[in-house]
Amino acid sequence: MAEPSSARRPVPLIESELYFLIARYLSAGPCRRAAQVLVQELEQYQLLPKRLDWEGNEHNRSYEELVLSNKHVAPDHLLQICQRIGPMLDKEIPPSISRVTSLLGAGRQSLLRTAKGTLI
C-alpha cells in the first residue's frame, strides 16, 4: 500500500538525480523491464527531479520529460561517473593496492575512505 503523499519526506535533489540516472542506465541494458517498473514507481511517488518555473514553484516531471530536457545525459552517464570516481580519489588518497578499483571495495580500497584513514 502506498503511503500518502503528505507523509513522504522531501527527496534531496542528488537522490532524485541518482534515481533518474539509475533508470536511464537500466533502460539501455538487458534490464529494460526493471527500468520500466522503476520509472513507473519514480513517477508514482514523484521521486524524479522537479522543474522550477519562473516564480520558483516546483512542478513534477515525467521520466520522458527529464530525458528530453537532459539530452546531454547518455544512458551510460552513471557508469561514466563511477569509472571516474576511483582514479580521482586515488590521486588524493592512495589505495593499499594500486590499479585495483572496485565499487565494492572495503578498507583502504573503499571509495568511501578518507584522508584520516577513517572509513565511512
PDB file of N, CA and C in Angstrom:
ATOM      1  N   MET A   1       0.836  -1.177   0.000  1.00  0.00           N
ATOM      2  CA  MET A   1       0.000   0.000   0.000  1.00  0.00           C
ATOM      3  C   MET A   1       0.884   1.245   0.000  1.00  0.00           C
ATOM      4  N   ALA A   2       0.603   2.180  -0.868  1.00  0.00           N
ATOM      5  CA  ALA A   2       1.408   3.391  -0.982  1.00  0.00           C
ATOM      6  C   ALA A   2       1.117   4.314   0.193  1.00  0.00           C
ATOM      7  N   GLU A   3       2.184   4.964   0.673  1.00  0.00           N
ATOM      8  CA  GLU A   3       1.957   5.915   1.742  1.00  0.00           C
ATOM      9  C   GLU A   3       1.426   7.207   1.151  1.00  0.00           C
ATOM     10  N   PRO A   4       0.594   7.934   1.897  1.00  0.00           N
ATOM     11  CA  PRO A   4       0.047   9.183   1.377  1.00  0.00           C
ATOM     12  C   PRO A   4       1.155  10.174   1.063  1.00  0.00           C
ATOM     13  N   SER A   5       0.942  10.987   0.038  1.00  0.00           N
ATOM     14  CA  SER A   5       1.981  11.926  -0.395  1.00  0.00           C
ATOM     15  C   SER A   5       2.365  12.894   0.713  1.00  0.00           C
ATOM     16  N   SER A   6       1.453  13.222   1.607  1.00  0.00           N
ATOM     17  CA  SER A   6       1.775  14.159   2.686  1.00  0.00           C
ATOM     18  C   SER A   6       2.719  13.537   3.716  1.00  0.00           C
ATOM     19  N   ALA A   7       2.790  12.193   3.768  1.00  0.00           N
ATOM     20  CA  ALA A   7       3.643  11.521   4.745  1.00  0.00           C
ATOM     21  C   ALA A   7       5.065  11.323   4.226  1.00  0.00           C
ATOM     22  N   ARG A   8       5.273  11.540   2.943  1.00  0.00           N
ATOM     23  CA  ARG A   8       6.609  11.327   2.375  1.00  0.00           C
ATOM     24  C   ARG A   8       7.533  12.483   2.700  1.00  0.00           C
ATOM     25  N   ARG A   9       8.785  12.149   2.931  1.00  0.00           N
ATOM     26  CA  ARG A   9       9.784  13.180   3.173  1.00  0.00           C
ATOM     27  C   ARG A   9      10.202  13.779   1.834  1.00  0.00           C
ATOM     28  N   PRO A  10      10.633  15.021   1.829  1.00  0.00           N
ATOM     29  CA  PRO A  10      11.140  15.590   0.577  1.00  0.00           C
ATOM     30  C   PRO A  10      12.409  14.842   0.160  1.00  0.00           C
ATOM     31  N   VAL A  11      12.548  14.602  -1.124  1.00  0.00           N
ATOM     32  CA  VAL A  11      13.709  13.870  -1.629  1.00  0.00           C
ATOM     33  C   VAL A  11      14.764  14.892  -2.044  1.00  0.00           C
ATOM     34  N   PRO A  12      15.982  14.794  -1.479  1.00  0.00           N
ATOM     35  CA  PRO A  12      17.047  15.714  -1.889  1.00  0.00           C
ATOM     36  C   PRO A  12      17.316  15.592  -3.388  1.00  0.00           C
ATOM     37  N   LEU A  13      17.727  16.684  -4.005  1.00  0.00           N
ATOM     38  CA  LEU A  13      17.957  16.710  -5.442  1.00  0.00           C
ATOM     39  C   LEU A  13      18.940  15.635  -5.879  1.00  0.00           C
ATOM     40  N   ILE A  14      20.029  15.445  -5.147  1.00  0.00           N
ATOM     41  CA  ILE A  14      21.024  14.456  -5.564  1.00  0.00           C
ATOM     42  C   ILE A  14      20.416  13.050  -5.576  1.00  0.00           C
ATOM     43  N   GLU A  15      19.525  12.773  -4.639  1.00  0.00           N
ATOM     44  CA  GLU A  15      18.864  11.468  -4.598  1.00  0.00           C
ATOM     45  C   GLU A  15      17.919  11.309  -5.802  1.00  0.00           C
ATOM     46  N   SER A  16      17.169  12.352  -6.121  1.00  0.00           N
ATOM     47  CA  SER A  16      16.289  12.324  -7.301  1.00  0.00           C
ATOM     48  C   SER A  16      17.094  12.119  -8.576  1.00  0.00           C
ATOM     49  N   GLU A  17      18.215  12.830  -8.665  1.00  0.00           N
ATOM     50  CA  GLU A  17      19.062  12.692  -9.853  1.00  0.00           C
ATOM     51  C   GLU A  17      19.642  11.287  -9.952  1.00  0.00           C
ATOM     52  N   LEU A  18      20.014  10.707  -8.809  1.00  0.00           N
ATOM     53  CA  LEU A  18      20.538   9.337  -8.808  1.00  0.00           C
ATOM     54  C   LEU A  18      19.474   8.354  -9.289  1.00  0.00           C
ATOM     55  N   TYR A  19      18.252   8.496  -8.808  1.00  0.00           N
ATOM     56  CA  TYR A  19      17.162   7.640  -9.289  1.00  0.00           C
ATOM     57  C   TYR A  19      17.032   7.754 -10.808  1.00  0.00           C
ATOM     58  N   PHE A  20      17.069   8.984 -11.309  1.00  0.00           N
ATOM     59  CA  PHE A  20      16.962   9.204 -12.754  1.00  0.00           C
ATOM     60  C   PHE A  20      18.109   8.520 -13.500  1.00  0.00           C
ATOM     61  N   LEU A  21      19.331   8.681 -12.996  1.00  0.00           N
ATOM     62  CA  LEU A  21      20.491   8.078 -13.664  1.00  0.00           C
ATOM     63  C   LEU A  21      20.431   6.551 -13.639  1.00  0.00           C
ATOM     64  N   ILE A  22      19.927   5.981 -12.556  1.00  0.00           N
ATOM     65  CA  ILE A  22      19.783   4.521 -12.485  1.00  0.00           C
ATOM     66  C   ILE A  22      18.774   4.052 -13.521  1.00  0.00           C
ATOM     67  N   ALA A  23      17.642   4.727 -13.600  1.00  0.00           N
ATOM     68  CA  ALA A  23      16.624   4.357 -14.595  1.00  0.00           C
ATOM     69  C   ALA A  23      17.174   4.517 -16.004  1.00  0.00           C
ATOM     70  N   ARG A  24      17.906   5.592 -16.231  1.00  0.00           N
ATOM     71  CA  ARG A  24      18.493   5.849 -17.556  1.00  0.00           C
ATOM     72  C   ARG A  24      19.483   4.736 -17.908  1.00  0.00           C
ATOM     73  N   TYR A  25      20.304   4.322 -16.953  1.00  0.00           N
ATOM     74  CA  TYR A  25      21.281   3.255 -17.176  1.00  0.00           C
ATOM     75  C   TYR A  25      20.578   1.926 -17.479  1.00  0.00           C
ATOM     76  N   LEU A  26      19.591   1.585 -16.673  1.00  0.00           N
ATOM     77  CA  LEU A  26      18.880   0.320 -16.864  1.00  0.00           C
ATOM     78  C   LEU A  26      18.122   0.283 -18.195  1.00  0.00           C
ATOM     79  N   SER A  27      17.663   1.437 -18.649  1.00  0.00           N
ATOM     80  CA  SER A  27      16.849   1.491 -19.871  1.00  0.00           C
ATOM     81  C   SER A  27      17.613   1.085 -21.130  1.00  0.00           C
ATOM     82  N   ALA A  28      18.927   1.129 -21.091  1.00  0.00           N
ATOM     83  CA  ALA A  28      19.720   0.826 -22.287  1.00  0.00           C
ATOM     84  C   ALA A  28      20.396  -0.541 -22.209  1.00  0.00           C
ATOM     85  N   GLY A  29      20.179  -1.264 -21.131  1.00  0.00           N
ATOM     86  CA  GLY A  29      20.840  -2.558 -20.969  1.00  0.00           C
ATOM     87  C   GLY A  29      19.850  -3.706 -21.008  1.00  0.00           C
ATOM     88  N   PRO A  30      20.266  -4.837 -20.493  1.00  0.00           N
ATOM     89  CA  PRO A  30      19.415  -6.028 -20.539  1.00  0.00           C
ATOM     90  C   PRO A  30      18.251  -5.999 -19.536  1.00  0.00           C
ATOM     91  N   CYS A  31      18.236  -5.034 -18.636  1.00  0.00           N
ATOM     92  CA  CYS A  31      17.197  -4.977 -17.595  1.00  0.00           C
ATOM     93  C   CYS A  31      16.133  -3.928 -17.922  1.00  0.00           C
ATOM     94  N   ARG A  32      15.673  -3.921 -19.138  1.00  0.00           N
ATOM     95  CA  ARG A  32      14.707  -2.893 -19.564  1.00  0.00           C
ATOM     96  C   ARG A  32      13.369  -2.984 -18.821  1.00  0.00           C
ATOM     97  N   ARG A  33      12.944  -4.194 -18.503  1.00  0.00           N
ATOM     98  CA  ARG A  33      11.689  -4.332 -17.739  1.00  0.00           C
ATOM     99  C   ARG A  33      11.858  -3.736 -16.348  1.00  0.00           C
ATOM    100  N   ALA A  34      13.011  -3.961 -15.740  1.00  0.00           N
ATOM    101  CA  ALA A  34      13.283  -3.368 -14.429  1.00  0.00           C
ATOM    102  C   ALA A  34      13.254  -1.847 -14.540  1.00  0.00           C
ATOM    103  N   ALA A  35      13.802  -1.324 -15.625  1.00  0.00           N
ATOM    104  CA  ALA A  35      13.793   0.126 -15.845  1.00  0.00           C
ATOM    105  C   ALA A  35      12.358   0.631 -15.953  1.00  0.00           C
ATOM    106  N   GLN A  36      11.507  -0.095 -16.665  1.00  0.00           N
ATOM    107  CA  GLN A  36      10.103   0.322 -16.818  1.00  0.00           C
ATOM    108  C   GLN A  36       9.392   0.374 -15.473  1.00  0.00           C
ATOM    109  N   VAL A  37       9.612  -0.653 -14.650  1.00  0.00           N
ATOM    110  CA  VAL A  37       8.986  -0.693 -13.327  1.00  0.00           C
ATOM    111  C   VAL A  37       9.532   0.447 -12.460  1.00  0.00           C
ATOM    112  N   LEU A  38      10.842   0.660 -12.522  1.00  0.00           N
ATOM    113  CA  LEU A  38      11.449   1.740 -11.745  1.00  0.00           C
ATOM    114  C   LEU A  38      10.876   3.090 -12.161  1.00  0.00           C
ATOM    115  N   VAL A  39      10.780   3.329 -13.462  1.00  0.00           N
ATOM    116  CA  VAL A  39      10.235   4.598 -13.953  1.00  0.00           C
ATOM    117  C   VAL A  39       8.799   4.786 -13.470  1.00  0.00           C
ATOM    118  N   GLN A  40       8.002   3.735 -13.523  1.00  0.00           N
ATOM    119  CA  GLN A  40       6.611   3.831 -13.042  1.00  0.00           C
ATOM    120  C   GLN A  40       6.569   4.233 -11.572  1.00  0.00           C
ATOM    121  N   GLU A  41       7.424   3.611 -10.765  1.00  0.00           N
ATOM    122  CA  GLU A  41       7.433   3.937  -9.340  1.00  0.00           C
ATOM    123  C   GLU A  41       7.993   5.333  -9.076  1.00  0.00           C
ATOM    124  N   LEU A  42       9.013   5.724  -9.821  1.00  0.00           N
ATOM    125  CA  LEU A  42       9.568   7.069  -9.650  1.00  0.00           C
ATOM    126  C   LEU A  42       8.521   8.124  -9.956  1.00  0.00           C
ATOM    127  N   GLU A  43       7.730   7.890 -11.000  1.00  0.00           N
ATOM    128  CA  GLU A  43       6.674   8.837 -11.350  1.00  0.00           C
ATOM    129  C   GLU A  43       5.531   8.771 -10.338  1.00  0.00           C
ATOM    130  N   GLN A  44       5.153   7.560  -9.925  1.00  0.00           N
ATOM    131  CA  GLN A  44       4.059   7.381  -8.967  1.00  0.00           C
ATOM    132  C   GLN A  44       4.361   8.082  -7.649  1.00  0.00           C
ATOM    133  N   TYR A  45       5.580   7.922  -7.161  1.00  0.00           N
ATOM    134  CA  TYR A  45       5.954   8.511  -5.874  1.00  0.00           C
ATOM    135  C   TYR A  45       6.613   9.880  -6.010  1.00  0.00           C
ATOM    136  N   GLN A  46       6.615  10.415  -7.218  1.00  0.00           N
ATOM    137  CA  GLN A  46       7.150  11.753  -7.504  1.00  0.00           C
ATOM    138  C   GLN A  46       8.566  11.910  -6.970  1.00  0.00           C
ATOM    139  N   LEU A  47       9.433  10.960  -7.352  1.00  0.00           N
ATOM    140  CA  LEU A  47      10.815  10.947  -6.880  1.00  0.00           C
ATOM    141  C   LEU A  47      11.806  11.525  -7.881  1.00  0.00           C
ATOM    142  N   LEU A  48      11.336  11.905  -9.048  1.00  0.00           N
ATOM    143  CA  LEU A  48      12.230  12.467 -10.066  1.00  0.00           C
ATOM    144  C   LEU A  48      12.477  13.949  -9.789  1.00  0.00           C
ATOM    145  N   PRO A  49      13.604  14.479 -10.280  1.00  0.00           N
ATOM    146  CA  PRO A  49      13.868  15.911 -10.085  1.00  0.00           C
ATOM    147  C   PRO A  49      12.723  16.762 -10.621  1.00  0.00           C
ATOM    148  N   LYS A  50      12.379  17.754  -9.870  1.00  0.00           N
ATOM    149  CA  LYS A  50      11.266  18.630 -10.249  1.00  0.00           C
ATOM    150  C   LYS A  50      11.764  19.788 -11.115  1.00  0.00           C
ATOM    151  N   ARG A  51      10.833  20.392 -11.818  1.00  0.00           N
ATOM    152  CA  ARG A  51      11.123  21.564 -12.642  1.00  0.00           C
ATOM    153  C   ARG A  51      10.699  22.802 -11.861  1.00  0.00           C
ATOM    154  N   LEU A  52      11.542  23.834 -11.913  1.00  0.00           N
ATOM    155  CA  LEU A  52      11.180  25.104 -11.286  1.00  0.00           C
ATOM    156  C   LEU A  52      10.671  26.065 -12.351  1.00  0.00           C
ATOM    157  N   ASP A  53       9.569  26.739 -12.069  1.00  0.00           N
ATOM    158  CA  ASP A  53       9.096  27.748 -13.008  1.00  0.00           C
ATOM    159  C   ASP A  53       9.725  29.097 -12.672  1.00  0.00           C
ATOM    160  N   TRP A  54       9.378  30.115 -13.420  1.00  0.00           N
ATOM    161  CA  TRP A  54       9.996  31.422 -13.257  1.00  0.00           C
ATOM    162  C   TRP A  54       9.667  32.071 -11.925  1.00  0.00           C
ATOM    163  N   GLU A  55       8.658  31.563 -11.227  1.00  0.00           N
ATOM    164  CA  GLU A  55       8.315  32.091  -9.904  1.00  0.00           C
ATOM    165  C   GLU A  55       8.932  31.258  -8.775  1.00  0.00           C
ATOM    166  N   GLY A  56       9.674  30.217  -9.145  1.00  0.00           N
ATOM    167  CA  GLY A  56      10.304  29.369  -8.154  1.00  0.00           C
ATOM    168  C   GLY A  56       9.426  28.228  -7.658  1.00  0.00           C
ATOM    169  N   ASN A  57       8.284  28.015  -8.303  1.00  0.00           N
ATOM    170  CA  ASN A  57       7.400  26.913  -7.920  1.00  0.00           C
ATOM    171  C   ASN A  57       7.871  25.614  -8.552  1.00  0.00           C
ATOM    172  N   GLU A  58       7.777  24.527  -7.793  1.00  0.00           N
ATOM    173  CA  GLU A  58       8.190  23.219  -8.286  1.00  0.00           C
ATOM    174  C   GLU A  58       7.040  22.539  -9.026  1.00  0.00           C
ATOM    175  N   HIS A  59       7.409  21.797 -10.075  1.00  0.00           N
ATOM    176  CA  HIS A  59       6.440  21.027 -10.850  1.00  0.00           C
ATOM    177  C   HIS A  59       7.021  19.646 -11.109  1.00  0.00           C
ATOM    178  N   ASN A  60       6.177  18.626 -10.968  1.00  0.00           N
ATOM    179  CA  ASN A  60       6.626  17.266 -11.247  1.00  0.00           C
ATOM    180  C   ASN A  60       6.891  17.113 -12.734  1.00  0.00           C
ATOM    181  N   ARG A  61       7.829  16.210 -13.046  1.00  0.00           N
ATOM    182  CA  ARG A  61       8.136  15.894 -14.444  1.00  0.00           C
ATOM    183  C   ARG A  61       8.106  14.392 -14.626  1.00  0.00           C
ATOM    184  N   SER A  62       7.765  13.986 -15.828  1.00  0.00           N
ATOM    185  CA  SER A  62       7.816  12.566 -16.150  1.00  0.00           C
ATOM    186  C   SER A  62       9.260  12.199 -16.499  1.00  0.00           C
ATOM    187  N   TYR A  63       9.518  10.919 -16.512  1.00  0.00           N
ATOM    188  CA  TYR A  63      10.836  10.421 -16.897  1.00  0.00           C
ATOM    189  C   TYR A  63      11.167  10.892 -18.315  1.00  0.00           C
ATOM    190  N   GLU A  64      10.218  10.769 -19.226  1.00  0.00           N
ATOM    191  CA  GLU A  64      10.463  11.172 -20.625  1.00  0.00           C
ATOM    192  C   GLU A  64      10.762  12.661 -20.727  1.00  0.00           C
ATOM    193  N   GLU A  65      10.076  13.483 -19.950  1.00  0.00           N
ATOM    194  CA  GLU A  65      10.372  14.923 -19.948  1.00  0.00           C
ATOM    195  C   GLU A  65      11.803  15.172 -19.487  1.00  0.00           C
ATOM    196  N   LEU A  66      12.243  14.421 -18.473  1.00  0.00           N
ATOM    197  CA  LEU A  66      13.619  14.566 -17.990  1.00  0.00           C
ATOM    198  C   LEU A  66      14.629  14.145 -19.049  1.00  0.00           C
ATOM    199  N   VAL A  67      14.356  13.040 -19.746  1.00  0.00           N
ATOM    200  CA  VAL A  67      15.260  12.583 -20.806  1.00  0.00           C
ATOM    201  C   VAL A  67      15.371  13.661 -21.880  1.00  0.00           C
ATOM    202  N   LEU A  68      14.239  14.217 -22.284  1.00  0.00           N
ATOM    203  CA  LEU A  68      14.238  15.238 -23.339  1.00  0.00           C
ATOM    204  C   LEU A  68      14.933  16.528 -22.905  1.00  0.00           C
ATOM    205  N   SER A  69      14.800  16.887 -21.636  1.00  0.00           N
ATOM    206  CA  SER A  69      15.425  18.132 -21.172  1.00  0.00           C
ATOM    207  C   SER A  69      16.877  17.939 -20.745  1.00  0.00           C
ATOM    208  N   ASN A  70      17.341  16.702 -20.765  1.00  0.00           N
ATOM    209  CA  ASN A  70      18.733  16.398 -20.394  1.00  0.00           C
ATOM    210  C   ASN A  70      19.377  15.533 -21.462  1.00  0.00           C
ATOM    211  N   LYS A  71      19.331  16.007 -22.694  1.00  0.00           N
ATOM    212  CA  LYS A  71      19.864  15.231 -23.824  1.00  0.00           C
ATOM    213  C   LYS A  71      21.360  14.951 -23.689  1.00  0.00           C
ATOM    214  N   HIS A  72      22.046  15.754 -22.901  1.00  0.00           N
ATOM    215  CA  HIS A  72      23.485  15.554 -22.682  1.00  0.00           C
ATOM    216  C   HIS A  72      23.763  14.354 -21.770  1.00  0.00           C
ATOM    217  N   VAL A  73      22.728  13.819 -21.127  1.00  0.00           N
ATOM    218  CA  VAL A  73      22.887  12.691 -20.214  1.00  0.00           C
ATOM    219  C   VAL A  73      22.626  11.400 -20.992  1.00  0.00           C
ATOM    220  N   ALA A  74      23.706  10.734 -21.362  1.00  0.00           N
ATOM    221  CA  ALA A  74      23.608   9.472 -22.103  1.00  0.00           C
ATOM    222  C   ALA A  74      23.180   8.354 -21.156  1.00  0.00           C
ATOM    223  N   PRO A  75      22.680   7.249 -21.699  1.00  0.00           N
ATOM    224  CA  PRO A  75      22.302   6.127 -20.835  1.00  0.00           C
ATOM    225  C   PRO A  75      23.450   5.616 -19.956  1.00  0.00           C
ATOM    226  N   ASP A  76      24.687   5.782 -20.397  1.00  0.00           N
ATOM    227  CA  ASP A  76      25.822   5.300 -19.591  1.00  0.00           C
ATOM    228  C   ASP A  76      26.451   6.398 -18.723  1.00  0.00           C
ATOM    229  N   HIS A  77      25.747   7.479 -18.504  1.00  0.00           N
ATOM    230  CA  HIS A  77      26.250   8.608 -17.715  1.00  0.00           C
ATOM    231  C   HIS A  77      26.652   8.164 -16.298  1.00  0.00           C
ATOM    232  N   LEU A  78      25.808   7.375 -15.657  1.00  0.00           N
ATOM    233  CA  LEU A  78      26.123   6.894 -14.308  1.00  0.00           C
ATOM    234  C   LEU A  78      27.367   6.010 -14.320  1.00  0.00           C
ATOM    235  N   LEU A  79      27.497   5.161 -15.321  1.00  0.00           N
ATOM    236  CA  LEU A  79      28.677   4.318 -15.460  1.00  0.00           C
ATOM    237  C   LEU A  79      29.927   5.180 -15.623  1.00  0.00           C
ATOM    238  N   GLN A  80      29.839   6.228 -16.436  1.00  0.00           N
ATOM    239  CA  GLN A  80      30.988   7.122 -16.633  1.00  0.00           C
ATOM    240  C   GLN A  80      31.382   7.801 -15.323  1.00  0.00           C
ATOM    241  N   ILE A  81      30.396   8.207 -14.540  1.00  0.00           N
ATOM    242  CA  ILE A  81      30.683   8.824 -13.241  1.00  0.00           C
ATOM    243  C   ILE A  81      31.412   7.830 -12.347  1.00  0.00           C
ATOM    244  N   CYS A  82      30.890   6.611 -12.288  1.00  0.00           N
ATOM    245  CA  CYS A  82      31.505   5.571 -11.443  1.00  0.00           C
ATOM    246  C   CYS A  82      32.934   5.262 -11.886  1.00  0.00           C
ATOM    247  N   GLN A  83      33.174   5.258 -13.188  1.00  0.00           N
ATOM    248  CA  GLN A  83      34.517   4.970 -13.696  1.00  0.00           C
ATOM    249  C   GLN A  83      35.508   6.070 -13.353  1.00  0.00           C
ATOM    250  N   ARG A  84      35.044   7.290 -13.178  1.00  0.00           N
ATOM    251  CA  ARG A  84      35.935   8.412 -12.885  1.00  0.00           C
ATOM    252  C   ARG A  84      36.207   8.596 -11.399  1.00  0.00           C
ATOM    253  N   ILE A  85      35.315   8.132 -10.556  1.00  0.00           N
ATOM    254  CA  ILE A  85      35.457   8.359  -9.112  1.00  0.00           C
ATOM    255  C   ILE A  85      36.733   7.733  -8.559  1.00  0.00           C
ATOM    256  N   GLY A  86      36.974   6.464  -8.881  1.00  0.00           N
ATOM    257  CA  GLY A  86      38.141   5.753  -8.345  1.00  0.00           C
ATOM    258  C   GLY A  86      39.454   6.445  -8.650  1.00  0.00           C
ATOM    259  N   PRO A  87      39.763   6.697  -9.925  1.00  0.00           N
ATOM    260  CA  PRO A  87      41.027   7.368 -10.248  1.00  0.00           C
ATOM    261  C   PRO A  87      41.165   8.756  -9.605  1.00  0.00           C
ATOM    262  N   MET A  88      40.067   9.495  -9.484  1.00  0.00           N
ATOM    263  CA  MET A  88      40.140  10.809  -8.848  1.00  0.00           C
ATOM    264  C   MET A  88      40.473  10.670  -7.366  1.00  0.00           C
ATOM    265  N   LEU A  89      39.829   9.734  -6.705  1.00  0.00           N
ATOM    266  CA  LEU A  89      40.093   9.506  -5.285  1.00  0.00           C
ATOM    267  C   LEU A  89      41.508   8.980  -5.074  1.00  0.00           C
ATOM    268  N   ASP A  90      41.959   8.087  -5.954  1.00  0.00           N
ATOM    269  CA  ASP A  90      43.304   7.503  -5.826  1.00  0.00           C
ATOM    270  C   ASP A  90      44.394   8.574  -5.858  1.00  0.00           C
ATOM    271  N   LYS A  91      44.165   9.672  -6.588  1.00  0.00           N
ATOM    272  CA  LYS A  91      45.146  10.760  -6.639  1.00  0.00           C
ATOM    273  C   LYS A  91      45.232  11.475  -5.295  1.00  0.00           C
ATOM    274  N   GLU A  92      44.116  11.587  -4.598  1.00  0.00           N
ATOM    275  CA  GLU A  92      44.073  12.291  -3.313  1.00  0.00           C
ATOM    276  C   GLU A  92      44.438  11.388  -2.143  1.00  0.00           C
ATOM    277  N   ILE A  93      43.886  10.172  -2.163  1.00  0.00           N
ATOM    278  CA  ILE A  93      44.093   9.226  -1.058  1.00  0.00           C
ATOM    279  C   ILE A  93      44.430   7.876  -1.685  1.00  0.00           C
ATOM    280  N   PRO A  94      45.722   7.553  -1.791  1.00  0.00           N
ATOM    281  CA  PRO A  94      46.115   6.310  -2.456  1.00  0.00           C
ATOM    282  C   PRO A  94      45.520   5.069  -1.773  1.00  0.00           C
ATOM    283  N   PRO A  95      45.100   4.105  -2.586  1.00  0.00           N
ATOM    284  CA  PRO A  95      44.595   2.850  -2.021  1.00  0.00           C
ATOM    285  C   PRO A  95      45.755   1.969  -1.574  1.00  0.00           C
ATOM    286  N   SER A  96      45.468   0.890  -0.885  1.00  0.00           N
ATOM    287  CA  SER A  96      46.538  -0.012  -0.462  1.00  0.00           C
ATOM    288  C   SER A  96      47.068  -0.832  -1.638  1.00  0.00           C
ATOM    289  N   ILE A  97      46.239  -1.115  -2.619  1.00  0.00           N
ATOM    290  CA  ILE A  97      46.670  -1.833  -3.828  1.00  0.00           C
ATOM    291  C   ILE A  97      46.344  -0.946  -5.021  1.00  0.00           C
ATOM    292  N   SER A  98      47.385  -0.465  -5.705  1.00  0.00           N
ATOM    293  CA  SER A  98      47.138   0.436  -6.820  1.00  0.00           C
ATOM    294  C   SER A  98      46.555  -0.324  -8.009  1.00  0.00           C
ATOM    295  N   ARG A  99      45.879   0.395  -8.853  1.00  0.00           N
ATOM    296  CA  ARG A  99      45.258  -0.111 -10.085  1.00  0.00           C
ATOM    297  C   ARG A  99      44.152  -1.137  -9.847  1.00  0.00           C
ATOM    298  N   VAL A 100      43.685  -1.249  -8.613  1.00  0.00           N
ATOM    299  CA  VAL A 100      42.559  -2.126  -8.313  1.00  0.00           C
ATOM    300  C   VAL A 100      41.425  -1.228  -7.831  1.00  0.00           C
ATOM    301  N   THR A 101      40.433  -1.044  -8.682  1.00  0.00           N
ATOM    302  CA  THR A 101      39.318  -0.183  -8.331  1.00  0.00           C
ATOM    303  C   THR A 101      38.028  -0.991  -8.389  1.00  0.00           C
ATOM    304  N   SER A 102      37.296  -0.952  -7.305  1.00  0.00           N
ATOM    305  CA  SER A 102      36.023  -1.649  -7.231  1.00  0.00           C
ATOM    306  C   SER A 102      35.033  -0.762  -6.497  1.00  0.00           C
ATOM    307  N   LEU A 103      33.817  -0.724  -6.970  1.00  0.00           N
ATOM    308  CA  LEU A 103      32.773  -0.002  -6.252  1.00  0.00           C
ATOM    309  C   LEU A 103      32.438  -0.696  -4.937  1.00  0.00           C
ATOM    310  N   LEU A 104      32.848  -1.960  -4.806  1.00  0.00           N
ATOM    311  CA  LEU A 104      32.524  -2.762  -3.634  1.00  0.00           C
ATOM    312  C   LEU A 104      33.697  -2.897  -2.662  1.00  0.00           C
ATOM    313  N   GLY A 105      34.785  -2.155  -2.894  1.00  0.00           N
ATOM    314  CA  GLY A 105      35.976  -2.268  -2.057  1.00  0.00           C
ATOM    315  C   GLY A 105      35.711  -1.922  -0.603  1.00  0.00           C
ATOM    316  N   ALA A 106      36.570  -2.457   0.265  1.00  0.00           N
ATOM    317  CA  ALA A 106      36.465  -2.189   1.702  1.00  0.00           C
ATOM    318  C   ALA A 106      37.817  -1.696   2.214  1.00  0.00           C
ATOM    319  N   GLY A 107      37.800  -1.111   3.394  1.00  0.00           N
ATOM    320  CA  GLY A 107      39.043  -0.634   3.995  1.00  0.00           C
ATOM    321  C   GLY A 107      39.736   0.391   3.122  1.00  0.00           C
ATOM    322  N   ARG A 108      41.052   0.216   2.902  1.00  0.00           N
ATOM    323  CA  ARG A 108      41.823   1.161   2.090  1.00  0.00           C
ATOM    324  C   ARG A 108      41.467   1.071   0.606  1.00  0.00           C
ATOM    325  N   GLN A 109      40.645   0.121   0.205  1.00  0.00           N
ATOM    326  CA  GLN A 109      40.193   0.014  -1.185  1.00  0.00           C
ATOM    327  C   GLN A 109      38.791   0.600  -1.360  1.00  0.00           C
ATOM    328  N   SER A 110      38.200   1.052  -0.260  1.00  0.00           N
ATOM    329  CA  SER A 110      36.845   1.597  -0.322  1.00  0.00           C
ATOM    330  C   SER A 110      36.834   2.965  -1.005  1.00  0.00           C
ATOM    331  N   LEU A 111      35.828   3.207  -1.814  1.00  0.00           N
ATOM    332  CA  LEU A 111      35.660   4.532  -2.408  1.00  0.00           C
ATOM    333  C   LEU A 111      35.178   5.546  -1.368  1.00  0.00           C
ATOM    334  N   LEU A 112      34.850   5.066  -0.187  1.00  0.00           N
ATOM    335  CA  LEU A 112      34.411   5.951   0.900  1.00  0.00           C
ATOM    336  C   LEU A 112      35.524   6.238   1.904  1.00  0.00           C
ATOM    337  N   ARG A 113      36.777   5.835   1.583  1.00  0.00           N
ATOM    338  CA  ARG A 113      37.892   6.091   2.505  1.00  0.00           C
ATOM    339  C   ARG A 113      38.152   7.596   2.592  1.00  0.00           C
ATOM    340  N   THR A 114      38.747   7.979   3.713  1.00  0.00           N
ATOM    341  CA  THR A 114      39.068   9.392   3.934  1.00  0.00           C
ATOM    342  C   THR A 114      40.560   9.554   4.152  1.00  0.00           C
ATOM    343  N   ALA A 115      41.034  10.780   4.097  1.00  0.00           N
ATOM    344  CA  ALA A 115      42.461  11.056   4.253  1.00  0.00           C
ATOM    345  C   ALA A 115      42.946  10.678   5.655  1.00  0.00           C
ATOM    346  N   LYS A 116      42.074  10.756   6.647  1.00  0.00           N
ATOM    347  CA  LYS A 116      42.459  10.433   8.025  1.00  0.00           C
ATOM    348  C   LYS A 116      42.430   8.934   8.281  1.00  0.00           C
ATOM    349  N   GLY A 117      42.069   8.160   7.261  1.00  0.00           N
ATOM    350  CA  GLY A 117      42.018   6.718   7.422  1.00  0.00           C
ATOM    351  C   GLY A 117      40.722   6.237   8.026  1.00  0.00           C
ATOM    352  N   THR A 118      39.881   7.182   8.431  1.00  0.00           N
ATOM    353  CA  THR A 118      38.576   6.810   8.955  1.00  0.00           C
ATOM    354  C   THR A 118      37.701   6.423   7.781  1.00  0.00           C
ATOM    355  N   LEU A 119      37.210   5.228   7.802  1.00  0.00           N
ATOM    356  CA  LEU A 119      36.391   4.754   6.695  1.00  0.00           C
ATOM    357  C   LEU A 119      34.927   4.920   7.012  1.00  0.00           C
ATOM    358  N   ILE A 120      34.234   5.447   6.061  1.00  0.00           N
ATOM    359  CA  ILE A 120      32.803   5.674   6.226  1.00  0.00           C
ATOM    360  C   ILE A 120      32.065   4.404   5.901  1.00  0.00           C
TER     361      ILE A 120
END
